[in-house]
Amino acid sequence: MKPSLQLKFSQQLTMTPQLQQAIKLLQLSTLDLQQEIQEALESNPLLELSEANFEQNDATNSKGDDSSTGSNAETQTNGETNASSDTSVSMEDAVDSHDALQNGDLPNDLPIDSSWDEYLGSSSAPVKMIGSNPDEDFVFQGETTDSIQDHLFWQVQMSHFTEVDKSIAIAIIDSIDESGYLTSSCEEIVESLDNEEVEIEEVECVLKRIQLLDPIGSGARNVQECLLIQLKQFAQGTPWLEEAKDLIKEYAELLGSKDYRTLMRKTKLKEEQLKEVMRLLKTLNPRPGSAISTKEPEYIVPDVNVYKNKGIWMVELNNDALPALAVNETYAQIAKTSKNQNDSQFIKSHLQEAKWFIKSLESRNETLLKVSHCIVSRQKEFFEKGPEKMIPMVLNDVAEMVDMHESTISRVTTQKYMHTPRGIFELKYFFSSHVATDSGENASSTAIRALIKKLIADEPPAKPLSDSKIAQLLADQGIKVARRTIAKYRESLNIPPSNQRKSLI
């Protein structure tokens, strides 16, 4: 074949760098966008914070300085406290677990190294240092993130354990999970120790001592043992204590399935008596590890604020979440006067990038505000009367209202949050599927979930509503939903079935 030239016409969409940046910023959450802005400020010298940010910070700092100055003039304290104690433990005072097991004198309350009286003086009131700033007393210094293993190990260090028992205790604590239960058998713990002289009986004795530490029941091998350990800490003569122990020992399976009728027949307890026993069991914690929370709180920064003003629902962007950006005019002028071509080209390229970035942010904010306006206008009944009045709405409905593509609406509603008088919701929350009703209209699946949640919240504890009964109650309101759909919505709300919701109290 001979080479030849051909002319062809075609249309195609080219993703320019500016368009790619706008799409990227549009789908970022507020926290991710803050990080993106910080990286842009560090990499682009032509980009800077707007003066509005500095004016706002100066106003805040001036208020803080005035309040701290007035407080310092009134705050003066006298006196100082000194507290010292010797927390060293001699080996003679340590309790040997193996000997205690053989002698049968293992105490219920483990000894501690010192008492609170050694640390508290004649006055327990806090003492301030002279000239201290009272505002600094309320500065958040962080929170403890110790796990249950750290908490138990700290108590072992403060208790009277021999070196051998301490090594056993460490091995046991390492085998305790976040819920507070022991995940290894005593045989496996013995095998994990380097000391061949340690026997299973000594491991079991140390385990009993650990189970008496805070939180009570840590190191239990099952729920039954955990609850019995906690019941043993109640004072003798506590009403219904023996019945509660008997219920846990003999009828744990019936108790877990909430078969109260069979329980009353086998235990010979009347309904009122069983209620009293259940009230005592309600005070126990089947997951002792949950008392030591290690999860860090997750904070949501809303992108949009919704409020009612003079009977009209208003929508505005949360300007506090994102800083205002501007172009550095000093550097921009250098590009016009610089005689060095490389410097001028460097400034011009970064100037263009800064303008693109600011324009992309403005486009993101305009799109977000426009979509939020549409959501509020369509879901006024939700803001007025609650989630039961949510109307069905899909992405295409908003896309047609704002004249944008459905994919754009999907990006702008993902990981974007709206602060309303009813709480903080993701924008995706307001979109739901349609369910036909008897009146010929459509009901939102979100509204049906809210109705199910409301019906279950108002149900009698002794006779909870079944899925079929809930479907019947919704049908009475003109909403025909199948029983399996009710079960699916109920499971999405993390609500157990009726037989597991049954309760005597």
Protein backbone atom coordinates (compact mmCIF):
# COMPACT_ATOMS: atom_id res chain seq x y z
CA MET A 1 0.00 0.00 0.00
CA LYS A 2 1.15 3.49 -0.81
CA PRO A 3 1.26 6.04 2.04
CA SER A 4 -1.37 8.77 1.68
CA LEU A 5 -2.87 11.70 3.58
CA GLN A 6 -6.50 11.61 4.71
CA LEU A 7 -8.63 14.32 6.30
CA LYS A 8 -11.17 13.15 8.89
CA PHE A 9 -13.64 15.17 11.03
CA SER A 10 -14.74 13.90 14.45
CA GLN A 11 -16.00 15.21 17.81
CA GLN A 12 -14.62 14.20 21.15
CA LEU A 13 -14.63 15.51 24.70
CA THR A 14 -11.18 16.47 25.96
CA MET A 15 -10.58 16.55 29.71
CA THR A 16 -8.55 19.70 30.17
CA PRO A 17 -6.42 20.04 33.33
CA GLN A 18 -8.84 22.69 34.60
CA LEU A 19 -11.84 20.38 34.13
CA GLN A 20 -10.01 17.49 35.79
CA GLN A 21 -9.18 19.68 38.77
CA ALA A 22 -12.79 20.89 39.07
CA ILE A 23 -14.11 17.30 39.05
CA LYS A 24 -11.51 16.25 41.61
CA LEU A 25 -12.42 19.05 44.02
CA LEU A 26 -16.13 18.44 43.51
CA GLN A 27 -16.03 14.89 44.87
CA LEU A 28 -13.73 15.60 47.84
CA SER A 29 -15.14 15.73 51.36
CA THR A 30 -14.58 18.81 53.52
CA LEU A 31 -11.64 17.30 55.41
CA ASP A 32 -10.00 16.05 52.21
CA LEU A 33 -10.57 19.44 50.58
CA GLN A 34 -8.93 21.22 53.52
CA GLN A 35 -5.86 19.03 53.04
CA GLU A 36 -5.90 19.73 49.30
CA ILE A 37 -6.05 23.48 49.95
CA GLN A 38 -3.17 23.26 52.41
CA GLU A 39 -1.03 21.41 49.86
CA ALA A 40 -1.89 24.03 47.21
CA LEU A 41 -0.90 26.86 49.57
CA GLU A 42 2.44 25.18 50.29
CA SER A 43 3.28 24.44 46.65
CA ASN A 44 2.04 27.62 44.97
CA PRO A 45 3.57 30.94 46.18
CA LEU A 46 0.95 32.90 44.18
CA LEU A 47 -1.84 31.45 46.33
CA GLU A 48 -2.54 32.85 49.78
CA LEU A 49 -5.25 33.15 52.39
CA SER A 50 -7.67 36.00 51.94
CA GLU A 51 -7.58 38.96 54.32
CA ALA A 52 -11.03 37.97 55.56
CA ASN A 53 -9.46 34.98 57.36
CA PHE A 54 -6.94 37.16 59.18
CA GLU A 55 -9.59 39.71 60.18
CA GLN A 56 -11.73 36.94 61.63
CA ASN A 57 -8.80 35.45 63.55
CA ASP A 58 -7.78 38.87 64.89
CA ALA A 59 -11.31 39.47 66.17
CA THR A 60 -11.36 36.11 67.90
CA ASN A 61 -7.92 36.61 69.47
CA SER A 62 -8.79 40.11 70.72
CA LYS A 63 -11.83 38.74 72.52
CA GLY A 64 -9.74 36.00 74.07
CA ASP A 65 -7.05 38.47 75.22
CA ASP A 66 -9.62 40.75 76.86
CA SER A 67 -11.24 37.92 78.77
CA SER A 68 -7.91 36.46 79.90
CA THR A 69 -6.62 39.87 81.05
CA GLY A 70 -9.68 40.45 83.19
CA SER A 71 -9.51 36.98 84.66
CA ASN A 72 -5.79 37.22 85.51
CA ALA A 73 -6.37 40.40 87.50
CA GLU A 74 -8.83 38.58 89.75
CA THR A 75 -7.01 35.25 90.13
CA GLN A 76 -4.52 34.84 92.96
CA THR A 77 -3.96 31.79 95.15
CA ASN A 78 -1.84 31.08 98.17
CA GLY A 79 -0.36 27.90 99.55
CA GLU A 80 1.02 24.80 97.96
CA THR A 81 0.53 21.10 98.48
CA ASN A 82 3.09 18.40 98.73
CA ALA A 83 2.27 14.71 98.60
CA SER A 84 4.68 11.84 98.64
CA SER A 85 4.26 8.17 99.17
CA ASP A 86 6.41 5.11 98.99
CA THR A 87 4.86 2.70 96.51
CA SER A 88 7.63 0.12 96.63
CA VAL A 89 6.44 -3.41 97.39
CA SER A 90 8.63 -5.95 99.16
CA MET A 91 8.66 -9.54 98.01
CA GLU A 92 7.42 -10.64 101.44
CA ASP A 93 4.17 -8.69 100.89
CA ALA A 94 3.49 -10.24 97.46
CA VAL A 95 0.68 -12.76 97.28
CA ASP A 96 1.66 -16.07 95.69
CA SER A 97 -1.27 -17.31 93.68
CA HIS A 98 -0.33 -20.98 93.84
CA ASP A 99 -0.09 -20.94 97.66
CA ALA A 100 -3.33 -19.00 97.92
CA LEU A 101 -5.08 -21.55 95.75
CA GLN A 102 -3.90 -24.45 97.88
CA ASN A 103 -4.78 -22.70 101.15
CA GLY A 104 -8.14 -21.51 99.80
CA ASP A 105 -7.59 -17.97 101.09
CA LEU A 106 -7.65 -16.04 97.80
CA PRO A 107 -9.24 -12.70 98.78
CA ASN A 108 -12.18 -11.23 96.88
CA ASP A 109 -10.72 -7.74 97.15
CA LEU A 110 -7.10 -7.68 96.00
CA PRO A 111 -4.70 -5.54 98.09
CA ILE A 112 -3.32 -2.34 96.64
CA ASP A 113 -0.05 -0.63 97.32
CA SER A 114 -1.43 2.52 98.90
CA SER A 115 -4.65 4.19 99.91
CA TRP A 116 -6.18 7.42 98.68
CA ASP A 117 -5.59 9.03 102.07
CA GLU A 118 -1.84 9.02 101.37
CA TYR A 119 -2.38 11.23 98.34
CA LEU A 120 -5.07 13.54 99.70
CA GLY A 121 -4.12 16.22 102.18
CA SER A 122 -6.34 18.12 104.59
CA SER A 123 -7.89 20.00 101.66
CA SER A 124 -8.84 18.27 98.45
CA ALA A 125 -9.55 21.52 96.59
CA PRO A 126 -7.38 22.12 93.52
CA VAL A 127 -4.59 24.64 93.93
CA LYS A 128 -3.62 27.07 91.16
CA MET A 129 -0.16 28.43 90.61
CA ILE A 130 0.24 32.18 91.09
CA GLY A 131 0.02 34.08 87.84
CA SER A 132 -1.41 31.18 85.86
CA ASN A 133 -3.78 31.91 83.03
CA PRO A 134 -7.22 30.51 83.89
CA ASP A 135 -7.94 29.90 80.21
CA GLU A 136 -5.09 27.39 80.08
CA ASP A 137 -6.84 25.20 82.67
CA PHE A 138 -9.49 24.32 80.12
CA VAL A 139 -7.16 23.60 77.21
CA PHE A 140 -7.81 20.08 75.93
CA GLN A 141 -4.73 18.02 76.72
CA GLY A 142 -5.85 14.89 74.91
CA GLU A 143 -7.57 11.78 76.18
CA THR A 144 -6.41 8.38 77.27
CA THR A 145 -6.48 5.76 74.55
CA ASP A 146 -5.38 2.82 76.68
CA SER A 147 -6.77 -0.54 75.65
CA ILE A 148 -8.20 -3.03 78.10
CA GLN A 149 -4.84 -4.82 78.04
CA ASP A 150 -3.06 -1.62 79.14
CA HIS A 151 -5.66 -1.03 81.84
CA LEU A 152 -5.32 -4.55 83.25
CA PHE A 153 -1.52 -4.52 83.03
CA TRP A 154 -1.42 -1.23 84.98
CA GLN A 155 -3.46 -2.85 87.77
CA VAL A 156 -1.16 -5.88 87.80
CA GLN A 157 1.82 -3.56 88.22
CA MET A 158 0.08 -1.91 91.17
CA SER A 159 -0.91 -5.19 92.82
CA HIS A 160 1.05 -7.71 94.88
CA PHE A 161 2.15 -10.29 92.31
CA THR A 162 5.29 -12.39 92.45
CA GLU A 163 7.55 -12.36 89.40
CA VAL A 164 6.27 -15.75 88.25
CA ASP A 165 2.64 -14.74 88.70
CA LYS A 166 3.31 -11.46 86.92
CA SER A 167 4.66 -13.29 83.86
CA ILE A 168 1.57 -15.51 83.88
CA ALA A 169 -0.68 -12.47 84.22
CA ILE A 170 0.98 -10.78 81.23
CA ALA A 171 0.42 -13.89 79.12
CA ILE A 172 -3.23 -14.01 80.17
CA ILE A 173 -3.81 -10.30 79.49
CA ASP A 174 -2.28 -10.64 76.02
CA SER A 175 -4.93 -13.28 75.27
CA ILE A 176 -7.87 -11.04 76.24
CA ASP A 177 -9.81 -9.47 73.34
CA GLU A 178 -11.47 -6.06 73.15
CA SER A 179 -14.71 -7.42 74.63
CA GLY A 180 -12.82 -8.60 77.70
CA TYR A 181 -12.94 -12.34 77.06
CA LEU A 182 -10.07 -14.82 77.19
CA THR A 183 -9.31 -16.19 73.74
CA SER A 184 -6.77 -18.86 74.77
CA SER A 185 -7.11 -21.87 77.01
CA CYS A 186 -5.04 -22.32 80.16
CA GLU A 187 -3.13 -25.12 78.44
CA GLU A 188 -2.14 -22.81 75.59
CA ILE A 189 -1.03 -20.14 78.07
CA VAL A 190 1.16 -22.67 79.88
CA GLU A 191 2.78 -23.66 76.57
CA SER A 192 3.46 -20.01 75.73
CA LEU A 193 5.46 -19.48 78.95
CA ASP A 194 9.19 -20.12 79.10
CA ASN A 195 8.95 -21.40 82.65
CA GLU A 196 8.45 -25.18 82.58
CA GLU A 197 7.63 -25.30 86.30
CA VAL A 198 4.36 -23.40 85.86
CA GLU A 199 1.31 -25.67 86.08
CA ILE A 200 -2.24 -25.21 84.88
CA GLU A 201 -3.51 -24.82 88.45
CA GLU A 202 -1.32 -21.77 88.96
CA VAL A 203 -2.49 -20.22 85.67
CA GLU A 204 -6.11 -20.73 86.73
CA CYS A 205 -5.41 -19.06 90.06
CA VAL A 206 -3.82 -16.01 88.42
CA LEU A 207 -6.75 -15.89 86.01
CA LYS A 208 -9.16 -15.71 88.96
CA ARG A 209 -7.24 -12.76 90.34
CA ILE A 210 -7.34 -10.97 86.98
CA GLN A 211 -11.08 -11.56 86.77
CA LEU A 212 -11.43 -9.52 89.97
CA LEU A 213 -9.65 -6.51 88.48
CA ASP A 214 -11.45 -3.60 86.90
CA PRO A 215 -13.59 -4.09 84.87
CA ILE A 216 -15.00 -7.04 86.82
CA GLY A 217 -15.28 -10.15 84.68
CA SER A 218 -12.35 -9.44 82.35
CA GLY A 219 -10.69 -12.70 81.36
CA ALA A 220 -13.89 -14.74 81.49
CA ARG A 221 -14.09 -17.57 78.99
CA ASN A 222 -17.78 -17.14 78.17
CA VAL A 223 -20.76 -14.93 78.96
CA GLN A 224 -22.02 -17.30 81.64
CA GLU A 225 -18.75 -17.14 83.60
CA CYS A 226 -18.52 -13.36 83.12
CA LEU A 227 -21.98 -12.74 84.60
CA LEU A 228 -21.41 -15.14 87.51
CA ILE A 229 -18.17 -13.35 88.43
CA GLN A 230 -20.02 -10.06 88.54
CA LEU A 231 -22.86 -11.53 90.60
CA LYS A 232 -20.35 -12.80 93.20
CA GLN A 233 -19.34 -9.20 93.88
CA PHE A 234 -22.82 -8.32 95.17
CA ALA A 235 -23.27 -8.20 98.92
CA GLN A 236 -24.82 -11.22 100.58
CA GLY A 237 -28.49 -10.61 101.17
CA THR A 238 -29.03 -8.72 97.92
CA PRO A 239 -32.62 -9.38 96.87
CA TRP A 240 -33.00 -12.05 94.18
CA LEU A 241 -29.23 -12.68 94.07
CA GLU A 242 -29.46 -16.46 94.46
CA GLU A 243 -32.26 -16.71 91.89
CA ALA A 244 -30.13 -14.72 89.44
CA LYS A 245 -27.15 -17.05 89.96
CA ASP A 246 -29.36 -20.10 89.48
CA LEU A 247 -30.81 -18.58 86.31
CA ILE A 248 -27.33 -18.01 84.81
CA LYS A 249 -26.01 -21.44 85.84
CA GLU A 250 -28.93 -23.63 84.80
CA TYR A 251 -30.99 -21.75 82.22
CA ALA A 252 -28.56 -19.58 80.27
CA GLU A 253 -29.84 -20.83 76.89
CA LEU A 254 -33.48 -20.10 77.74
CA LEU A 255 -32.43 -16.69 79.02
CA GLY A 256 -30.58 -15.93 75.77
CA SER A 257 -33.59 -16.94 73.64
CA LYS A 258 -35.91 -14.94 75.96
CA ASP A 259 -38.24 -17.88 76.45
CA TYR A 260 -39.76 -16.43 79.61
CA ARG A 261 -42.73 -18.78 79.69
CA THR A 262 -40.49 -21.84 79.89
CA LEU A 263 -38.27 -20.06 82.43
CA MET A 264 -41.20 -19.41 84.74
CA ARG A 265 -42.33 -23.03 84.46
CA LYS A 266 -38.90 -24.52 85.22
CA THR A 267 -37.79 -22.06 87.90
CA LYS A 268 -41.23 -21.97 89.61
CA LEU A 269 -41.02 -18.17 89.56
CA LYS A 270 -44.02 -15.98 88.98
CA GLU A 271 -43.93 -13.24 86.38
CA GLU A 272 -43.38 -10.44 88.91
CA GLN A 273 -40.58 -12.41 90.58
CA LEU A 274 -38.90 -13.09 87.24
CA LYS A 275 -39.11 -9.37 86.46
CA GLU A 276 -37.17 -8.58 89.65
CA VAL A 277 -34.50 -11.11 88.73
CA MET A 278 -34.24 -9.62 85.24
CA ARG A 279 -33.82 -6.13 86.71
CA LEU A 280 -30.84 -7.40 88.70
CA LEU A 281 -29.35 -9.05 85.60
CA LYS A 282 -29.79 -5.79 83.65
CA THR A 283 -27.20 -4.17 85.94
CA LEU A 284 -24.49 -6.57 84.70
CA ASN A 285 -22.18 -5.96 81.76
CA PRO A 286 -21.83 -8.96 79.41
CA ARG A 287 -19.00 -7.17 77.57
CA PRO A 288 -16.68 -5.81 80.28
CA GLY A 289 -14.15 -4.65 77.70
CA SER A 290 -16.63 -2.07 76.41
CA ALA A 291 -16.04 -0.06 79.61
CA ILE A 292 -12.54 0.72 78.27
CA SER A 293 -13.26 2.49 75.00
CA THR A 294 -10.33 2.86 72.61
CA LYS A 295 -12.22 4.23 69.60
CA GLU A 296 -11.39 7.78 68.68
CA PRO A 297 -14.39 10.03 68.07
CA GLU A 298 -15.17 10.88 64.48
CA TYR A 299 -16.23 14.44 63.81
CA ILE A 300 -18.33 15.56 60.86
CA VAL A 301 -17.84 19.03 59.44
CA PRO A 302 -21.06 20.09 57.67
CA ASP A 303 -20.73 21.66 54.23
CA VAL A 304 -24.14 23.36 54.25
CA ASN A 305 -26.28 24.94 56.96
CA VAL A 306 -30.09 24.91 56.75
CA TYR A 307 -32.24 27.06 59.03
CA LYS A 308 -35.66 28.67 59.07
CA ASN A 309 -35.92 32.45 58.97
CA LYS A 310 -39.33 34.17 59.08
CA GLY A 311 -41.06 31.03 57.88
CA ILE A 312 -38.67 30.47 54.96
CA TRP A 313 -36.05 27.72 54.83
CA MET A 314 -32.65 29.24 54.13
CA VAL A 315 -29.58 27.43 52.76
CA GLU A 316 -26.03 28.72 53.07
CA LEU A 317 -22.53 27.31 52.79
CA ASN A 318 -20.50 26.70 55.92
CA ASN A 319 -17.80 29.30 55.32
CA ASP A 320 -16.05 28.37 58.58
CA ALA A 321 -15.17 24.95 57.19
CA LEU A 322 -13.02 26.23 54.32
CA PRO A 323 -10.62 29.21 54.18
CA ALA A 324 -11.05 31.94 51.57
CA LEU A 325 -8.22 32.05 49.02
CA ALA A 326 -6.82 34.92 46.97
CA VAL A 327 -3.99 35.63 44.54
CA ASN A 328 -0.86 37.27 45.96
CA GLU A 329 -0.88 40.61 44.17
CA THR A 330 2.72 41.40 45.10
CA TYR A 331 4.06 38.36 43.26
CA ALA A 332 1.59 38.90 40.42
CA GLN A 333 3.05 42.38 39.77
CA ILE A 334 6.57 40.96 39.66
CA ALA A 335 5.62 38.97 36.56
CA LYS A 336 5.03 42.25 34.70
CA THR A 337 8.22 44.01 35.83
CA SER A 338 10.66 41.10 35.99
CA LYS A 339 13.45 41.21 33.41
CA ASN A 340 14.39 37.58 33.96
CA GLN A 341 12.42 35.45 31.53
CA ASN A 342 12.61 32.31 33.68
CA ASP A 343 11.29 34.12 36.76
CA SER A 344 8.53 35.73 34.75
CA GLN A 345 7.50 32.39 33.24
CA PHE A 346 7.57 30.72 36.68
CA ILE A 347 5.28 33.36 38.18
CA LYS A 348 2.89 33.35 35.21
CA SER A 349 2.45 29.56 35.31
CA HIS A 350 1.78 29.55 39.04
CA LEU A 351 -0.52 32.55 38.67
CA GLN A 352 -2.60 30.63 36.15
CA GLU A 353 -2.72 27.59 38.44
CA ALA A 354 -3.83 29.75 41.37
CA LYS A 355 -6.65 31.27 39.30
CA TRP A 356 -7.77 27.83 38.15
CA PHE A 357 -7.75 26.52 41.69
CA ILE A 358 -9.81 29.44 43.02
CA LYS A 359 -12.25 29.15 40.13
CA SER A 360 -12.63 25.39 40.71
CA LEU A 361 -13.40 26.04 44.38
CA GLU A 362 -16.01 28.64 43.43
CA SER A 363 -17.56 26.22 40.95
CA ARG A 364 -17.69 23.51 43.60
CA ASN A 365 -19.38 25.82 46.09
CA GLU A 366 -21.91 27.05 43.52
CA THR A 367 -22.83 23.50 42.51
CA LEU A 368 -23.10 22.36 46.11
CA LEU A 369 -25.30 25.30 47.04
CA LYS A 370 -27.51 24.82 43.98
CA VAL A 371 -28.05 21.11 44.71
CA SER A 372 -28.72 21.83 48.40
CA HIS A 373 -31.38 24.39 47.43
CA CYS A 374 -33.13 21.77 45.29
CA ILE A 375 -33.04 19.18 48.08
CA VAL A 376 -34.51 21.59 50.63
CA SER A 377 -37.22 22.75 48.23
CA ARG A 378 -38.24 19.14 47.47
CA GLN A 379 -38.05 17.89 51.06
CA LYS A 380 -39.79 20.71 52.96
CA GLU A 381 -42.14 18.19 54.58
CA PHE A 382 -39.13 16.41 56.05
CA PHE A 383 -37.81 19.57 57.67
CA GLU A 384 -41.27 20.52 58.92
CA LYS A 385 -42.63 17.16 60.18
CA GLY A 386 -39.80 14.63 60.27
CA PRO A 387 -38.47 11.65 58.29
CA GLU A 388 -41.95 10.05 58.07
CA LYS A 389 -42.82 12.75 55.53
CA MET A 390 -39.81 12.20 53.29
CA ILE A 391 -40.87 12.10 49.66
CA PRO A 392 -39.18 9.79 47.12
CA MET A 393 -36.40 11.44 45.14
CA VAL A 394 -33.65 10.12 42.90
CA LEU A 395 -30.51 11.73 41.48
CA ASN A 396 -32.14 12.27 38.11
CA ASP A 397 -34.84 14.48 39.67
CA VAL A 398 -32.24 16.94 40.96
CA ALA A 399 -30.17 16.65 37.78
CA GLU A 400 -33.13 17.84 35.71
CA MET A 401 -33.85 20.72 38.10
CA VAL A 402 -30.30 22.10 38.05
CA ASP A 403 -29.62 21.11 34.41
CA MET A 404 -26.59 18.95 35.23
CA HIS A 405 -25.57 15.39 34.56
CA GLU A 406 -26.60 12.71 37.00
CA SER A 407 -22.96 11.76 37.63
CA THR A 408 -22.25 15.34 38.74
CA ILE A 409 -25.10 15.16 41.27
CA SER A 410 -23.70 11.87 42.52
CA ARG A 411 -20.27 13.42 43.07
CA VAL A 412 -21.57 16.52 44.81
CA THR A 413 -23.78 14.54 47.21
CA THR A 414 -21.13 12.01 48.25
CA GLN A 415 -19.46 12.70 51.60
CA LYS A 416 -21.15 16.11 51.80
CA TYR A 417 -23.17 16.86 54.92
CA MET A 418 -26.03 19.20 55.70
CA HIS A 419 -26.58 20.67 59.17
CA THR A 420 -30.31 21.03 59.86
CA PRO A 421 -32.50 21.62 62.94
CA ARG A 422 -33.16 17.86 62.88
CA GLY A 423 -29.49 16.90 62.88
CA ILE A 424 -26.62 16.39 60.44
CA PHE A 425 -27.35 14.29 57.37
CA GLU A 426 -25.37 13.27 54.34
CA LEU A 427 -26.90 14.65 51.15
CA LYS A 428 -27.32 11.05 49.96
CA TYR A 429 -29.78 10.54 52.83
CA PHE A 430 -32.45 12.58 51.04
CA PHE A 431 -32.48 10.26 48.01
CA SER A 432 -34.53 7.08 48.20
CA SER A 433 -36.45 4.65 46.06
CA HIS A 434 -40.20 4.65 45.37
CA VAL A 435 -42.82 2.38 46.94
CA ALA A 436 -46.37 2.44 45.57
CA THR A 437 -49.31 3.12 47.92
CA ASP A 438 -53.07 2.46 47.71
CA SER A 439 -53.74 6.11 46.88
CA GLY A 440 -51.71 5.82 43.69
CA GLU A 441 -48.88 7.97 45.06
CA ASN A 442 -45.35 6.91 45.87
CA ALA A 443 -43.82 6.60 49.33
CA SER A 444 -40.14 6.98 50.12
CA SER A 445 -38.26 3.97 51.46
CA THR A 446 -36.65 6.33 53.98
CA ALA A 447 -40.10 7.32 55.23
CA ILE A 448 -41.10 3.67 55.53
CA ARG A 449 -37.97 2.94 57.57
CA ALA A 450 -38.85 5.86 59.85
CA LEU A 451 -42.39 4.51 60.29
CA ILE A 452 -41.05 1.04 61.10
CA LYS A 453 -38.66 2.51 63.65
CA LYS A 454 -41.46 4.54 65.21
CA LEU A 455 -43.83 1.55 65.43
CA ILE A 456 -41.16 -0.62 67.07
CA ALA A 457 -40.26 2.16 69.53
CA ASP A 458 -43.90 2.33 70.68
CA GLU A 459 -44.49 -1.44 70.84
CA PRO A 460 -45.17 -3.17 74.20
CA PRO A 461 -41.94 -4.80 75.45
CA ALA A 462 -43.71 -8.01 76.51
CA LYS A 463 -45.38 -8.44 73.09
CA PRO A 464 -43.25 -6.94 70.30
CA LEU A 465 -44.63 -6.50 66.80
CA SER A 466 -43.86 -9.14 64.20
CA ASP A 467 -42.93 -8.24 60.64
CA SER A 468 -46.37 -9.36 59.46
CA LYS A 469 -48.07 -7.15 62.05
CA ILE A 470 -45.95 -4.15 61.00
CA ALA A 471 -46.89 -4.78 57.37
CA GLN A 472 -50.55 -4.84 58.39
CA LEU A 473 -50.23 -1.57 60.35
CA LEU A 474 -48.58 0.12 57.36
CA ALA A 475 -51.31 -1.22 55.08
CA ASP A 476 -53.87 0.47 57.34
CA GLN A 477 -52.07 3.74 56.54
CA GLY A 478 -52.31 3.06 52.81
CA ILE A 479 -48.75 1.77 52.37
CA LYS A 480 -48.68 -1.80 51.11
CA VAL A 481 -45.30 -3.41 51.77
CA ALA A 482 -44.46 -7.10 51.73
CA ARG A 483 -43.35 -8.81 54.93
CA ARG A 484 -39.93 -9.63 53.48
CA THR A 485 -39.49 -5.93 52.61
CA ILE A 486 -40.28 -5.05 56.23
CA ALA A 487 -37.66 -7.55 57.35
CA LYS A 488 -35.10 -6.06 54.96
CA TYR A 489 -35.75 -2.51 56.17
CA ARG A 490 -35.71 -3.65 59.80
CA GLU A 491 -32.33 -5.33 59.35
CA SER A 492 -30.95 -2.19 57.68
CA LEU A 493 -31.90 -0.33 60.88
CA ASN A 494 -30.04 -2.94 63.00
CA ILE A 495 -33.29 -3.89 64.77
CA PRO A 496 -33.49 -7.55 65.87
CA PRO A 497 -36.56 -9.71 65.15
CA SER A 498 -39.57 -9.76 67.47
CA ASN A 499 -38.50 -12.84 69.46
CA GLN A 500 -35.21 -11.12 70.39
CA ARG A 501 -36.90 -7.82 71.31
CA LYS A 502 -39.19 -9.43 73.85
CA SER A 503 -38.59 -8.23 77.40
CA LEU A 504 -40.41 -8.45 80.73
CA ILE A 505 -39.20 -5.03 81.95
